[in-house]
């Protein structure tokens, strides 16, 4: 889709772009959130574990 948007802008179907933005992106966000939740990552910008010391 990116290639079409970048190189074929004269032939873009507004309905396809709108559907992707309103239906597919939110669905992908839910999928990614579920994946992060399953791994115990809440997506916040809170403190991260300190990496192990080297050397």
N, C-alpha and C. Protein backbone atom coordinates (compact mmCIF):
# COMPACT_ATOMS: atom_id res chain seq x y z
N UNK A 1 0.83 -1.19 0.00
CA UNK A 1 0.00 0.00 0.00
C UNK A 1 0.88 1.25 0.00
N UNK A 2 1.99 1.22 0.73
CA UNK A 2 2.87 2.39 0.76
C UNK A 2 3.35 2.74 -0.63
N UNK A 3 3.74 1.73 -1.40
CA UNK A 3 4.22 1.98 -2.75
C UNK A 3 3.16 2.68 -3.60
N UNK A 4 1.92 2.27 -3.46
CA UNK A 4 0.83 2.89 -4.21
C UNK A 4 0.66 4.34 -3.77
N UNK A 5 0.70 4.57 -2.47
CA UNK A 5 0.53 5.94 -1.97
C UNK A 5 1.66 6.85 -2.43
N UNK A 6 2.88 6.33 -2.45
CA UNK A 6 4.03 7.15 -2.80
C UNK A 6 4.14 7.36 -4.30
N UNK A 7 3.92 6.31 -5.09
CA UNK A 7 4.19 6.39 -6.52
C UNK A 7 2.93 6.44 -7.39
N UNK A 8 1.80 6.12 -6.85
CA UNK A 8 0.59 6.09 -7.67
C UNK A 8 -0.51 6.96 -7.09
N UNK A 9 -0.13 8.11 -6.59
CA UNK A 9 -1.10 8.95 -5.87
C UNK A 9 -2.28 9.36 -6.72
N UNK A 10 -2.16 9.36 -8.04
CA UNK A 10 -3.28 9.75 -8.90
C UNK A 10 -4.36 8.67 -8.93
N UNK A 11 -4.01 7.45 -8.52
CA UNK A 11 -4.98 6.35 -8.61
C UNK A 11 -5.41 5.84 -7.24
N UNK A 12 -5.16 6.60 -6.20
CA UNK A 12 -5.50 6.16 -4.85
C UNK A 12 -7.02 6.15 -4.68
N UNK A 13 -7.51 5.07 -4.13
CA UNK A 13 -8.93 4.96 -3.81
C UNK A 13 -9.12 5.43 -2.37
N UNK A 14 -9.77 6.58 -2.22
CA UNK A 14 -9.96 7.16 -0.88
C UNK A 14 -10.65 6.20 0.08
N UNK A 15 -11.57 5.40 -0.43
CA UNK A 15 -12.28 4.45 0.42
C UNK A 15 -11.34 3.39 1.00
N UNK A 16 -10.38 2.94 0.20
CA UNK A 16 -9.43 1.94 0.67
C UNK A 16 -8.55 2.53 1.76
N UNK A 17 -8.08 3.75 1.55
CA UNK A 17 -7.24 4.42 2.55
C UNK A 17 -8.03 4.65 3.82
N UNK A 18 -9.27 5.13 3.69
CA UNK A 18 -10.10 5.40 4.87
C UNK A 18 -10.38 4.11 5.64
N UNK A 19 -10.67 3.03 4.93
CA UNK A 19 -10.94 1.74 5.58
C UNK A 19 -9.70 1.25 6.31
N UNK A 20 -8.55 1.39 5.69
CA UNK A 20 -7.31 0.97 6.35
C UNK A 20 -7.08 1.76 7.63
N UNK A 21 -7.31 3.08 7.56
CA UNK A 21 -7.07 3.93 8.72
C UNK A 21 -8.08 3.72 9.84
N UNK A 22 -9.32 3.41 9.48
CA UNK A 22 -10.37 3.31 10.50
C UNK A 22 -10.64 1.90 10.97
N UNK A 23 -10.28 0.90 10.16
CA UNK A 23 -10.58 -0.48 10.54
C UNK A 23 -9.32 -1.31 10.78
N UNK A 24 -8.38 -1.23 9.88
CA UNK A 24 -7.23 -2.12 9.98
C UNK A 24 -6.19 -1.64 10.98
N UNK A 25 -5.94 -0.33 11.03
CA UNK A 25 -4.96 0.18 11.99
C UNK A 25 -5.43 -0.06 13.42
N UNK A 26 -6.68 0.26 13.76
CA UNK A 26 -7.12 -0.05 15.14
C UNK A 26 -7.03 -1.54 15.46
N UNK A 27 -7.33 -2.39 14.49
CA UNK A 27 -7.23 -3.83 14.72
C UNK A 27 -5.78 -4.22 14.98
N UNK A 28 -4.85 -3.66 14.22
CA UNK A 28 -3.44 -3.95 14.44
C UNK A 28 -2.99 -3.44 15.81
N UNK A 29 -3.48 -2.29 16.23
CA UNK A 29 -3.13 -1.77 17.56
C UNK A 29 -3.57 -2.75 18.64
N UNK A 30 -4.77 -3.30 18.50
CA UNK A 30 -5.27 -4.28 19.48
C UNK A 30 -4.39 -5.52 19.49
N UNK A 31 -4.00 -5.98 18.32
CA UNK A 31 -3.13 -7.16 18.23
C UNK A 31 -1.81 -6.90 18.92
N UNK A 32 -1.18 -5.75 18.61
CA UNK A 32 0.11 -5.42 19.23
C UNK A 32 -0.04 -5.24 20.73
N UNK A 33 -1.12 -4.62 21.18
CA UNK A 33 -1.34 -4.43 22.61
C UNK A 33 -1.46 -5.78 23.30
N UNK A 34 -2.20 -6.69 22.70
CA UNK A 34 -2.33 -8.03 23.28
C UNK A 34 -0.98 -8.73 23.36
N UNK A 35 -0.17 -8.57 22.31
CA UNK A 35 1.16 -9.18 22.32
C UNK A 35 2.01 -8.59 23.44
N UNK A 36 1.98 -7.27 23.59
CA UNK A 36 2.76 -6.62 24.65
C UNK A 36 2.25 -6.99 26.03
N UNK A 37 0.93 -7.02 26.19
CA UNK A 37 0.35 -7.41 27.48
C UNK A 37 0.76 -8.83 27.85
N UNK A 38 0.78 -9.71 26.87
CA UNK A 38 1.16 -11.10 27.11
C UNK A 38 2.60 -11.19 27.59
N UNK A 39 3.43 -10.27 27.14
CA UNK A 39 4.84 -10.27 27.54
C UNK A 39 5.06 -9.44 28.80
N UNK A 40 4.00 -8.83 29.33
CA UNK A 40 4.13 -8.04 30.55
C UNK A 40 4.63 -6.63 30.30
N UNK A 41 4.46 -6.14 29.08
CA UNK A 41 4.88 -4.79 28.74
C UNK A 41 3.63 -3.95 28.57
N UNK A 42 3.53 -2.87 29.34
CA UNK A 42 2.30 -2.08 29.29
C UNK A 42 2.35 -0.94 28.28
N UNK A 43 3.47 -0.70 27.64
CA UNK A 43 3.56 0.34 26.63
C UNK A 43 3.74 1.73 27.18
N UNK A 44 3.79 1.86 28.50
CA UNK A 44 3.99 3.18 29.09
C UNK A 44 5.46 3.58 29.00
N UNK A 45 5.71 4.83 29.26
CA UNK A 45 7.09 5.34 29.21
C UNK A 45 7.72 5.31 30.60
N UNK A 46 7.24 4.43 31.44
CA UNK A 46 7.75 4.36 32.81
C UNK A 46 9.16 3.81 32.87
N UNK A 47 9.68 3.63 34.08
CA UNK A 47 11.05 3.16 34.24
C UNK A 47 11.26 1.78 33.65
N UNK A 48 12.42 1.58 33.10
CA UNK A 48 12.78 0.29 32.51
C UNK A 48 13.82 -0.37 33.39
N UNK A 49 13.90 -1.68 33.35
CA UNK A 49 14.90 -2.36 34.18
C UNK A 49 16.32 -1.90 33.81
N UNK A 50 17.16 -1.85 34.81
CA UNK A 50 18.55 -1.47 34.57
C UNK A 50 19.27 -2.63 33.89
N UNK A 51 19.98 -2.34 32.80
CA UNK A 51 20.70 -3.42 32.12
C UNK A 51 21.81 -3.95 33.02
N UNK A 52 22.20 -5.20 32.81
CA UNK A 52 23.26 -5.77 33.65
C UNK A 52 24.59 -5.04 33.43
N UNK A 53 25.39 -4.97 34.49
CA UNK A 53 26.69 -4.31 34.40
C UNK A 53 27.62 -5.13 33.52
N UNK A 54 28.45 -4.42 32.78
CA UNK A 54 29.43 -5.11 31.93
C UNK A 54 30.82 -4.88 32.49
N UNK A 55 31.71 -5.82 32.21
CA UNK A 55 33.12 -5.67 32.56
C UNK A 55 33.42 -6.02 33.91
